[in-house]
Every structure is written in structure tokens, then in C-alpha cells.
PDB file of N, CA and C in Angstrom:
ATOM      1  N   MET A   1      41.898 -74.473 -40.990  1.00  0.00           N
ATOM      2  CA  MET A   1      41.150 -73.261 -40.886  1.00  0.00           C
ATOM      3  C   MET A   1      40.514 -72.890 -42.222  1.00  0.00           C
ATOM      4  N   ARG A   2      41.236 -73.067 -43.292  1.00  0.00           N
ATOM      5  CA  ARG A   2      40.693 -72.743 -44.620  1.00  0.00           C
ATOM      6  C   ARG A   2      39.396 -73.514 -44.862  1.00  0.00           C
ATOM      7  N   LEU A   3      39.370 -74.769 -44.464  1.00  0.00           N
ATOM      8  CA  LEU A   3      38.184 -75.603 -44.655  1.00  0.00           C
ATOM      9  C   LEU A   3      36.969 -75.002 -43.937  1.00  0.00           C
ATOM     10  N   ILE A   4      37.166 -74.537 -42.706  1.00  0.00           N
ATOM     11  CA  ILE A   4      36.069 -73.942 -41.940  1.00  0.00           C
ATOM     12  C   ILE A   4      35.575 -72.667 -42.614  1.00  0.00           C
ATOM     13  N   PHE A   5      36.492 -71.759 -42.914  1.00  0.00           N
ATOM     14  CA  PHE A   5      36.098 -70.485 -43.507  1.00  0.00           C
ATOM     15  C   PHE A   5      35.432 -70.677 -44.863  1.00  0.00           C
ATOM     16  N   GLU A   6      35.982 -71.546 -45.695  1.00  0.00           N
ATOM     17  CA  GLU A   6      35.390 -71.756 -47.014  1.00  0.00           C
ATOM     18  C   GLU A   6      34.009 -72.412 -46.904  1.00  0.00           C
ATOM     19  N   ALA A   7      33.818 -73.270 -45.911  1.00  0.00           N
ATOM     20  CA  ALA A   7      32.496 -73.866 -45.698  1.00  0.00           C
ATOM     21  C   ALA A   7      31.485 -72.810 -45.245  1.00  0.00           C
ATOM     22  N   LEU A   8      31.984 -71.733 -44.634  1.00  0.00           N
ATOM     23  CA  LEU A   8      31.129 -70.635 -44.187  1.00  0.00           C
ATOM     24  C   LEU A   8      31.073 -69.524 -45.241  1.00  0.00           C
ATOM     25  N   ASP A   9      31.414 -69.873 -46.476  1.00  0.00           N
ATOM     26  CA  ASP A   9      31.324 -68.963 -47.616  1.00  0.00           C
ATOM     27  C   ASP A   9      32.285 -67.778 -47.512  1.00  0.00           C
ATOM     28  N   ALA A  10      33.528 -68.077 -47.118  1.00  0.00           N
ATOM     29  CA  ALA A  10      34.539 -67.028 -46.984  1.00  0.00           C
ATOM     30  C   ALA A  10      35.788 -67.390 -47.786  1.00  0.00           C
ATOM     31  N   TYR A  11      36.455 -66.361 -48.276  1.00  0.00           N
ATOM     32  CA  TYR A  11      37.715 -66.513 -49.011  1.00  0.00           C
ATOM     33  C   TYR A  11      38.847 -66.275 -48.022  1.00  0.00           C
ATOM     34  N   VAL A  12      39.906 -67.055 -48.103  1.00  0.00           N
ATOM     35  CA  VAL A  12      40.992 -66.982 -47.133  1.00  0.00           C
ATOM     36  C   VAL A  12      42.310 -66.598 -47.809  1.00  0.00           C
ATOM     37  N   ILE A  13      43.035 -65.676 -47.163  1.00  0.00           N
ATOM     38  CA  ILE A  13      44.372 -65.279 -47.615  1.00  0.00           C
ATOM     39  C   ILE A  13      45.327 -65.512 -46.451  1.00  0.00           C
ATOM     40  N   TRP A  14      46.423 -66.209 -46.713  1.00  0.00           N
ATOM     41  CA  TRP A  14      47.434 -66.503 -45.692  1.00  0.00           C
ATOM     42  C   TRP A  14      48.648 -65.624 -45.942  1.00  0.00           C
ATOM     43  N   ASP A  15      49.068 -64.869 -44.945  1.00  0.00           N
ATOM     44  CA  ASP A  15      50.276 -64.046 -44.994  1.00  0.00           C
ATOM     45  C   ASP A  15      51.332 -64.762 -44.168  1.00  0.00           C
ATOM     46  N   ALA A  16      52.180 -65.547 -44.840  1.00  0.00           N
ATOM     47  CA  ALA A  16      53.179 -66.363 -44.140  1.00  0.00           C
ATOM     48  C   ALA A  16      54.187 -65.502 -43.390  1.00  0.00           C
ATOM     49  N   GLU A  17      54.608 -64.408 -43.991  1.00  0.00           N
ATOM     50  CA  GLU A  17      55.609 -63.543 -43.355  1.00  0.00           C
ATOM     51  C   GLU A  17      55.072 -62.916 -42.067  1.00  0.00           C
ATOM     52  N   GLY A  18      53.839 -62.431 -42.109  1.00  0.00           N
ATOM     53  CA  GLY A  18      53.236 -61.812 -40.931  1.00  0.00           C
ATOM     54  C   GLY A  18      52.539 -62.800 -40.018  1.00  0.00           C
ATOM     55  N   ARG A  19      52.462 -64.062 -40.467  1.00  0.00           N
ATOM     56  CA  ARG A  19      51.768 -65.127 -39.728  1.00  0.00           C
ATOM     57  C   ARG A  19      50.348 -64.704 -39.369  1.00  0.00           C
ATOM     58  N   MET A  20      49.641 -64.227 -40.425  1.00  0.00           N
ATOM     59  CA  MET A  20      48.274 -63.745 -40.252  1.00  0.00           C
ATOM     60  C   MET A  20      47.361 -64.361 -41.297  1.00  0.00           C
ATOM     61  N   VAL A  21      46.076 -64.485 -40.925  1.00  0.00           N
ATOM     62  CA  VAL A  21      45.049 -64.980 -41.828  1.00  0.00           C
ATOM     63  C   VAL A  21      44.024 -63.868 -42.019  1.00  0.00           C
ATOM     64  N   PHE A  22      43.682 -63.623 -43.272  1.00  0.00           N
ATOM     65  CA  PHE A  22      42.644 -62.661 -43.609  1.00  0.00           C
ATOM     66  C   PHE A  22      41.525 -63.438 -44.286  1.00  0.00           C
ATOM     67  N   SER A  23      40.302 -63.172 -43.876  1.00  0.00           N
ATOM     68  CA  SER A  23      39.166 -63.866 -44.466  1.00  0.00           C
ATOM     69  C   SER A  23      38.096 -62.845 -44.814  1.00  0.00           C
ATOM     70  N   ILE A  24      37.538 -62.995 -46.011  1.00  0.00           N
ATOM     71  CA  ILE A  24      36.482 -62.102 -46.470  1.00  0.00           C
ATOM     72  C   ILE A  24      35.304 -62.957 -46.893  1.00  0.00           C
ATOM     73  N   THR A  25      34.116 -62.650 -46.355  1.00  0.00           N
ATOM     74  CA  THR A  25      32.923 -63.418 -46.709  1.00  0.00           C
ATOM     75  C   THR A  25      32.195 -62.753 -47.876  1.00  0.00           C
ATOM     76  N   SER A  26      31.231 -63.465 -48.415  1.00  0.00           N
ATOM     77  CA  SER A  26      30.438 -62.914 -49.514  1.00  0.00           C
ATOM     78  C   SER A  26      29.617 -61.709 -49.052  1.00  0.00           C
ATOM     79  N   LYS A  27      29.384 -61.599 -47.741  1.00  0.00           N
ATOM     80  CA  LYS A  27      28.661 -60.448 -47.187  1.00  0.00           C
ATOM     81  C   LYS A  27      29.613 -59.308 -46.842  1.00  0.00           C
ATOM     82  N   ARG A  28      30.876 -59.485 -47.216  1.00  0.00           N
ATOM     83  CA  ARG A  28      31.931 -58.497 -46.990  1.00  0.00           C
ATOM     84  C   ARG A  28      32.376 -58.384 -45.531  1.00  0.00           C
ATOM     85  N   ASP A  29      32.170 -59.442 -44.757  1.00  0.00           N
ATOM     86  CA  ASP A  29      32.729 -59.483 -43.403  1.00  0.00           C
ATOM     87  C   ASP A  29      34.219 -59.732 -43.530  1.00  0.00           C
ATOM     88  N   LEU A  30      35.012 -58.972 -42.795  1.00  0.00           N
ATOM     89  CA  LEU A  30      36.464 -59.136 -42.813  1.00  0.00           C
ATOM     90  C   LEU A  30      36.924 -59.629 -41.448  1.00  0.00           C
ATOM     91  N   VAL A  31      37.638 -60.755 -41.452  1.00  0.00           N
ATOM     92  CA  VAL A  31      38.178 -61.334 -40.224  1.00  0.00           C
ATOM     93  C   VAL A  31      39.697 -61.365 -40.349  1.00  0.00           C
ATOM     94  N   ILE A  32      40.381 -60.901 -39.313  1.00  0.00           N
ATOM     95  CA  ILE A  32      41.843 -60.906 -39.287  1.00  0.00           C
ATOM     96  C   ILE A  32      42.293 -61.652 -38.036  1.00  0.00           C
ATOM     97  N   LEU A  33      43.061 -62.732 -38.239  1.00  0.00           N
ATOM     98  CA  LEU A  33      43.606 -63.523 -37.133  1.00  0.00           C
ATOM     99  C   LEU A  33      45.115 -63.532 -37.249  1.00  0.00           C
ATOM    100  N   GLU A  34      45.783 -63.322 -36.139  1.00  0.00           N
ATOM    101  CA  GLU A  34      47.236 -63.438 -36.094  1.00  0.00           C
ATOM    102  C   GLU A  34      47.569 -64.652 -35.245  1.00  0.00           C
ATOM    103  N   ILE A  35      48.466 -65.489 -35.736  1.00  0.00           N
ATOM    104  CA  ILE A  35      48.840 -66.708 -35.024  1.00  0.00           C
ATOM    105  C   ILE A  35      49.314 -66.357 -33.616  1.00  0.00           C
ATOM    106  N   SER A  36      48.805 -67.078 -32.633  1.00  0.00           N
ATOM    107  CA  SER A  36      49.148 -66.961 -31.211  1.00  0.00           C
ATOM    108  C   SER A  36      48.647 -65.677 -30.551  1.00  0.00           C
ATOM    109  N   ASN A  37      47.864 -64.878 -31.249  1.00  0.00           N
ATOM    110  CA  ASN A  37      47.332 -63.644 -30.668  1.00  0.00           C
ATOM    111  C   ASN A  37      45.910 -63.900 -30.176  1.00  0.00           C
ATOM    112  N   GLU A  38      45.613 -63.471 -28.951  1.00  0.00           N
ATOM    113  CA  GLU A  38      44.283 -63.686 -28.377  1.00  0.00           C
ATOM    114  C   GLU A  38      43.244 -62.725 -28.932  1.00  0.00           C
ATOM    115  N   GLU A  39      43.686 -61.698 -29.660  1.00  0.00           N
ATOM    116  CA  GLU A  39      42.745 -60.759 -30.258  1.00  0.00           C
ATOM    117  C   GLU A  39      42.477 -61.118 -31.713  1.00  0.00           C
ATOM    118  N   VAL A  40      41.206 -61.076 -32.074  1.00  0.00           N
ATOM    119  CA  VAL A  40      40.766 -61.306 -33.444  1.00  0.00           C
ATOM    120  C   VAL A  40      39.977 -60.066 -33.843  1.00  0.00           C
ATOM    121  N   ILE A  41      40.143 -59.633 -35.077  1.00  0.00           N
ATOM    122  CA  ILE A  41      39.407 -58.473 -35.560  1.00  0.00           C
ATOM    123  C   ILE A  41      38.360 -58.954 -36.555  1.00  0.00           C
ATOM    124  N   CYS A  42      37.117 -58.569 -36.308  1.00  0.00           N
ATOM    125  CA  CYS A  42      36.026 -58.890 -37.232  1.00  0.00           C
ATOM    126  C   CYS A  42      35.291 -57.590 -37.528  1.00  0.00           C
ATOM    127  N   ASN A  43      35.368 -57.161 -38.784  1.00  0.00           N
ATOM    128  CA  ASN A  43      34.732 -55.903 -39.196  1.00  0.00           C
ATOM    129  C   ASN A  43      35.141 -54.738 -38.294  1.00  0.00           C
ATOM    130  N   GLU A  44      36.447 -54.638 -38.043  1.00  0.00           N
ATOM    131  CA  GLU A  44      37.064 -53.553 -37.270  1.00  0.00           C
ATOM    132  C   GLU A  44      36.756 -53.610 -35.775  1.00  0.00           C
ATOM    133  N   VAL A  45      36.085 -54.676 -35.320  1.00  0.00           N
ATOM    134  CA  VAL A  45      35.803 -54.843 -33.890  1.00  0.00           C
ATOM    135  C   VAL A  45      36.753 -55.902 -33.346  1.00  0.00           C
ATOM    136  N   ARG A  46      37.480 -55.533 -32.290  1.00  0.00           N
ATOM    137  CA  ARG A  46      38.415 -56.480 -31.665  1.00  0.00           C
ATOM    138  C   ARG A  46      37.670 -57.363 -30.673  1.00  0.00           C
ATOM    139  N   GLN A  47      37.967 -58.661 -30.750  1.00  0.00           N
ATOM    140  CA  GLN A  47      37.373 -59.624 -29.836  1.00  0.00           C
ATOM    141  C   GLN A  47      38.485 -60.506 -29.284  1.00  0.00           C
ATOM    142  N   THR A  48      38.256 -61.059 -28.109  1.00  0.00           N
ATOM    143  CA  THR A  48      39.241 -61.950 -27.498  1.00  0.00           C
ATOM    144  C   THR A  48      38.785 -63.382 -27.681  1.00  0.00           C
ATOM    145  N   ILE A  49      39.708 -64.238 -28.091  1.00  0.00           N
ATOM    146  CA  ILE A  49      39.429 -65.654 -28.304  1.00  0.00           C
ATOM    147  C   ILE A  49      40.089 -66.452 -27.178  1.00  0.00           C
ATOM    148  N   ASP A  50      39.378 -67.472 -26.678  1.00  0.00           N
ATOM    149  CA  ASP A  50      39.905 -68.285 -25.577  1.00  0.00           C
ATOM    150  C   ASP A  50      41.206 -68.977 -25.944  1.00  0.00           C
ATOM    151  N   THR A  51      41.232 -69.546 -27.137  1.00  0.00           N
ATOM    152  CA  THR A  51      42.409 -70.259 -27.619  1.00  0.00           C
ATOM    153  C   THR A  51      42.818 -69.640 -28.951  1.00  0.00           C
ATOM    154  N   PRO A  52      43.936 -68.935 -28.992  1.00  0.00           N
ATOM    155  CA  PRO A  52      44.354 -68.278 -30.230  1.00  0.00           C
ATOM    156  C   PRO A  52      44.622 -69.278 -31.355  1.00  0.00           C
ATOM    157  N   ALA A  53      44.554 -68.784 -32.586  1.00  0.00           N
ATOM    158  CA  ALA A  53      44.909 -69.609 -33.744  1.00  0.00           C
ATOM    159  C   ALA A  53      46.345 -70.081 -33.571  1.00  0.00           C
ATOM    160  N   GLN A  54      46.593 -71.307 -34.001  1.00  0.00           N
ATOM    161  CA  GLN A  54      47.949 -71.849 -33.886  1.00  0.00           C
ATOM    162  C   GLN A  54      48.275 -72.733 -35.077  1.00  0.00           C
ATOM    163  N   ILE A  55      49.547 -72.848 -35.335  1.00  0.00           N
ATOM    164  CA  ILE A  55      50.011 -73.692 -36.437  1.00  0.00           C
ATOM    165  C   ILE A  55      50.432 -75.036 -35.857  1.00  0.00           C
ATOM    166  N   ILE A  56      49.864 -76.094 -36.423  1.00  0.00           N
ATOM    167  CA  ILE A  56      50.251 -77.462 -36.054  1.00  0.00           C
ATOM    168  C   ILE A  56      50.584 -78.163 -37.359  1.00  0.00           C
ATOM    169  N   GLY A  57      51.835 -78.588 -37.481  1.00  0.00           N
ATOM    170  CA  GLY A  57      52.281 -79.128 -38.765  1.00  0.00           C
ATOM    171  C   GLY A  57      52.293 -78.004 -39.782  1.00  0.00           C
ATOM    172  N   ASN A  58      51.603 -78.181 -40.871  1.00  0.00           N
ATOM    173  CA  ASN A  58      51.510 -77.159 -41.918  1.00  0.00           C
ATOM    174  C   ASN A  58      50.156 -76.475 -41.934  1.00  0.00           C
ATOM    175  N   ARG A  59      49.372 -76.630 -40.889  1.00  0.00           N
ATOM    176  CA  ARG A  59      48.001 -76.128 -40.899  1.00  0.00           C
ATOM    177  C   ARG A  59      47.744 -75.146 -39.755  1.00  0.00           C
ATOM    178  N   VAL A  60      46.837 -74.216 -40.014  1.00  0.00           N
ATOM    179  CA  VAL A  60      46.406 -73.268 -38.991  1.00  0.00           C
ATOM    180  C   VAL A  60      45.108 -73.791 -38.396  1.00  0.00           C
ATOM    181  N   PHE A  61      45.053 -73.867 -37.072  1.00  0.00           N
ATOM    182  CA  PHE A  61      43.856 -74.329 -36.374  1.00  0.00           C
ATOM    183  C   PHE A  61      43.254 -73.186 -35.572  1.00  0.00           C
ATOM    184  N   VAL A  62      41.921 -73.138 -35.570  1.00  0.00           N
ATOM    185  CA  VAL A  62      41.186 -72.110 -34.840  1.00  0.00           C
ATOM    186  C   VAL A  62      39.897 -72.747 -34.324  1.00  0.00           C
ATOM    187  N   LEU A  63      39.329 -72.182 -33.253  1.00  0.00           N
ATOM    188  CA  LEU A  63      38.107 -72.735 -32.677  1.00  0.00           C
ATOM    189  C   LEU A  63      36.919 -72.531 -33.616  1.00  0.00           C
ATOM    190  N   LEU A  64      36.246 -73.611 -33.961  1.00  0.00           N
ATOM    191  CA  LEU A  64      35.108 -73.569 -34.874  1.00  0.00           C
ATOM    192  C   LEU A  64      33.988 -72.687 -34.334  1.00  0.00           C
ATOM    193  N   ARG A  65      33.602 -72.881 -33.081  1.00  0.00           N
ATOM    194  CA  ARG A  65      32.483 -72.117 -32.523  1.00  0.00           C
ATOM    195  C   ARG A  65      32.756 -70.613 -32.599  1.00  0.00           C
ATOM    196  N   PHE A  66      33.944 -70.196 -32.229  1.00  0.00           N
ATOM    197  CA  PHE A  66      34.270 -68.772 -32.240  1.00  0.00           C
ATOM    198  C   PHE A  66      34.144 -68.195 -33.647  1.00  0.00           C
ATOM    199  N   VAL A  67      34.732 -68.866 -34.618  1.00  0.00           N
ATOM    200  CA  VAL A  67      34.694 -68.370 -35.995  1.00  0.00           C
ATOM    201  C   VAL A  67      33.270 -68.351 -36.524  1.00  0.00           C
ATOM    202  N   ALA A  68      32.523 -69.414 -36.319  1.00  0.00           N
ATOM    203  CA  ALA A  68      31.156 -69.495 -36.828  1.00  0.00           C
ATOM    204  C   ALA A  68      30.274 -68.422 -36.205  1.00  0.00           C
ATOM    205  N   GLU A  69      30.339 -68.260 -34.891  1.00  0.00           N
ATOM    206  CA  GLU A  69      29.512 -67.251 -34.231  1.00  0.00           C
ATOM    207  C   GLU A  69      29.937 -65.844 -34.627  1.00  0.00           C
ATOM    208  N   MET A  70      31.219 -65.635 -34.849  1.00  0.00           N
ATOM    209  CA  MET A  70      31.717 -64.345 -35.297  1.00  0.00           C
ATOM    210  C   MET A  70      31.134 -63.987 -36.674  1.00  0.00           C
ATOM    211  N   LEU A  71      30.867 -65.015 -37.482  1.00  0.00           N
ATOM    212  CA  LEU A  71      30.307 -64.808 -38.816  1.00  0.00           C
ATOM    213  C   LEU A  71      28.779 -64.972 -38.807  1.00  0.00           C
ATOM    214  N   ASP A  72      28.182 -64.785 -37.622  1.00  0.00           N
ATOM    215  CA  ASP A  72      26.732 -64.765 -37.441  1.00  0.00           C
ATOM    216  C   ASP A  72      26.060 -66.099 -37.790  1.00  0.00           C
ATOM    217  N   LYS A  73      26.664 -67.192 -37.353  1.00  0.00           N
ATOM    218  CA  LYS A  73      26.089 -68.527 -37.534  1.00  0.00           C
ATOM    219  C   LYS A  73      25.693 -69.093 -36.179  1.00  0.00           C
ATOM    220  N   ASP A  74      24.750 -70.013 -36.188  1.00  0.00           N
ATOM    221  CA  ASP A  74      24.383 -70.750 -34.978  1.00  0.00           C
ATOM    222  C   ASP A  74      25.206 -72.029 -34.924  1.00  0.00           C
ATOM    223  N   VAL A  75      25.651 -72.396 -33.732  1.00  0.00           N
ATOM    224  CA  VAL A  75      26.451 -73.609 -33.551  1.00  0.00           C
ATOM    225  C   VAL A  75      25.809 -74.464 -32.468  1.00  0.00           C
ATOM    226  N   VAL A  76      25.562 -75.737 -32.799  1.00  0.00           N
ATOM    227  CA  VAL A  76      24.985 -76.682 -31.843  1.00  0.00           C
ATOM    228  C   VAL A  76      25.873 -77.919 -31.814  1.00  0.00           C
ATOM    229  N   HIS A  77      26.240 -78.331 -30.607  1.00  0.00           N
ATOM    230  CA  HIS A  77      27.056 -79.530 -30.437  1.00  0.00           C
ATOM    231  C   HIS A  77      26.208 -80.609 -29.774  1.00  0.00           C
ATOM    232  N   ASP A  78      26.059 -81.751 -30.436  1.00  0.00           N
ATOM    233  CA  ASP A  78      25.328 -82.886 -29.883  1.00  0.00           C
ATOM    234  C   ASP A  78      26.350 -83.806 -29.226  1.00  0.00           C
ATOM    235  N   GLU A  79      26.379 -83.796 -27.902  1.00  0.00           N
ATOM    236  CA  GLU A  79      27.386 -84.579 -27.176  1.00  0.00           C
ATOM    237  C   GLU A  79      27.236 -86.078 -27.377  1.00  0.00           C
ATOM    238  N   GLU A  80      26.000 -86.535 -27.571  1.00  0.00           N
ATOM    239  CA  GLU A  80      25.773 -87.965 -27.743  1.00  0.00           C
ATOM    240  C   GLU A  80      26.375 -88.485 -29.054  1.00  0.00           C
ATOM    241  N   THR A  81      26.144 -87.760 -30.124  1.00  0.00           N
ATOM    242  CA  THR A  81      26.643 -88.200 -31.437  1.00  0.00           C
ATOM    243  C   THR A  81      28.000 -87.584 -31.790  1.00  0.00           C
ATOM    244  N   MET A  82      28.444 -86.587 -30.996  1.00  0.00           N
ATOM    245  CA  MET A  82      29.695 -85.865 -31.245  1.00  0.00           C
ATOM    246  C   MET A  82      29.663 -85.150 -32.604  1.00  0.00           C
ATOM    247  N   ILE A  83      28.490 -84.630 -32.960  1.00  0.00           N
ATOM    248  CA  ILE A  83      28.318 -83.902 -34.209  1.00  0.00           C
ATOM    249  C   ILE A  83      28.113 -82.420 -33.895  1.00  0.00           C
ATOM    250  N   VAL A  84      28.756 -81.563 -34.676  1.00  0.00           N
ATOM    251  CA  VAL A  84      28.579 -80.132 -34.560  1.00  0.00           C
ATOM    252  C   VAL A  84      27.837 -79.640 -35.788  1.00  0.00           C
ATOM    253  N   LEU A  85      26.738 -78.917 -35.551  1.00  0.00           N
ATOM    254  CA  LEU A  85      25.953 -78.353 -36.652  1.00  0.00           C
ATOM    255  C   LEU A  85      26.132 -76.861 -36.681  1.00  0.00           C
ATOM    256  N   VAL A  86      26.483 -76.327 -37.842  1.00  0.00           N
ATOM    257  CA  VAL A  86      26.628 -74.889 -38.036  1.00  0.00           C
ATOM    258  C   VAL A  86      25.596 -74.476 -39.074  1.00  0.00           C
ATOM    259  N   THR A  87      24.724 -73.546 -38.689  1.00  0.00           N
ATOM    260  CA  THR A  87      23.660 -73.123 -39.592  1.00  0.00           C
ATOM    261  C   THR A  87      23.556 -71.596 -39.600  1.00  0.00           C
ATOM    262  N   SER A  88      22.941 -71.070 -40.647  1.00  0.00           N
ATOM    263  CA  SER A  88      22.693 -69.628 -40.717  1.00  0.00           C
ATOM    264  C   SER A  88      21.610 -69.257 -39.739  1.00  0.00           C
ATOM    265  N   LYS A  89      21.711 -68.055 -39.198  1.00  0.00           N
ATOM    266  CA  LYS A  89      20.685 -67.565 -38.265  1.00  0.00           C
ATOM    267  C   LYS A  89      19.463 -67.148 -39.021  1.00  0.00           C
TER     268      LYS A  89
END
């Protein structure tokens, strides 16, 4: 998850005790994800995610499309090449 957020120009803070991720972008967007919770908060607006963030091994995984679109990015998936492009709107 850190890789995705940092690629989208966001700083990530992991709260191990609360099992929560806080992300702040350079535009001051604040995203709060709690592991296994279907609700995500982005700039004080609650949204429901199809697949909640989860821990696998030592890493937190989250859906790329949901995070990118939440941060006002366009996402295109090319099924033939299996490439996902994330760009600014």
C-alpha cells in the first residue's frame, strides 16, 4: 500500500496498534483506512470499499483503482497487456 500511495504523491503513516493507515497528499487530501473495515474516510467523507484493506504477510494491501480514484486520478486497465495506467485528471 505504501508503494501505491507514495507513487500518488502521498505520505503514509502506519498505526500498528490501531491497525490503521493514514495518508496525506501534497494537496492535503487525508485518507484514513482501517484494516478489514469496509469504510474509508477521504477528506472527512466516508466511502465504502468493495474489498477492505488487509494484511498479508507484513504488508497492507488495498485496491489500486479505489485509492487512485479517491485521490482524483484516472485509472485505465488494458486487459490485453495486463497494464494499469494511473494518470492525473
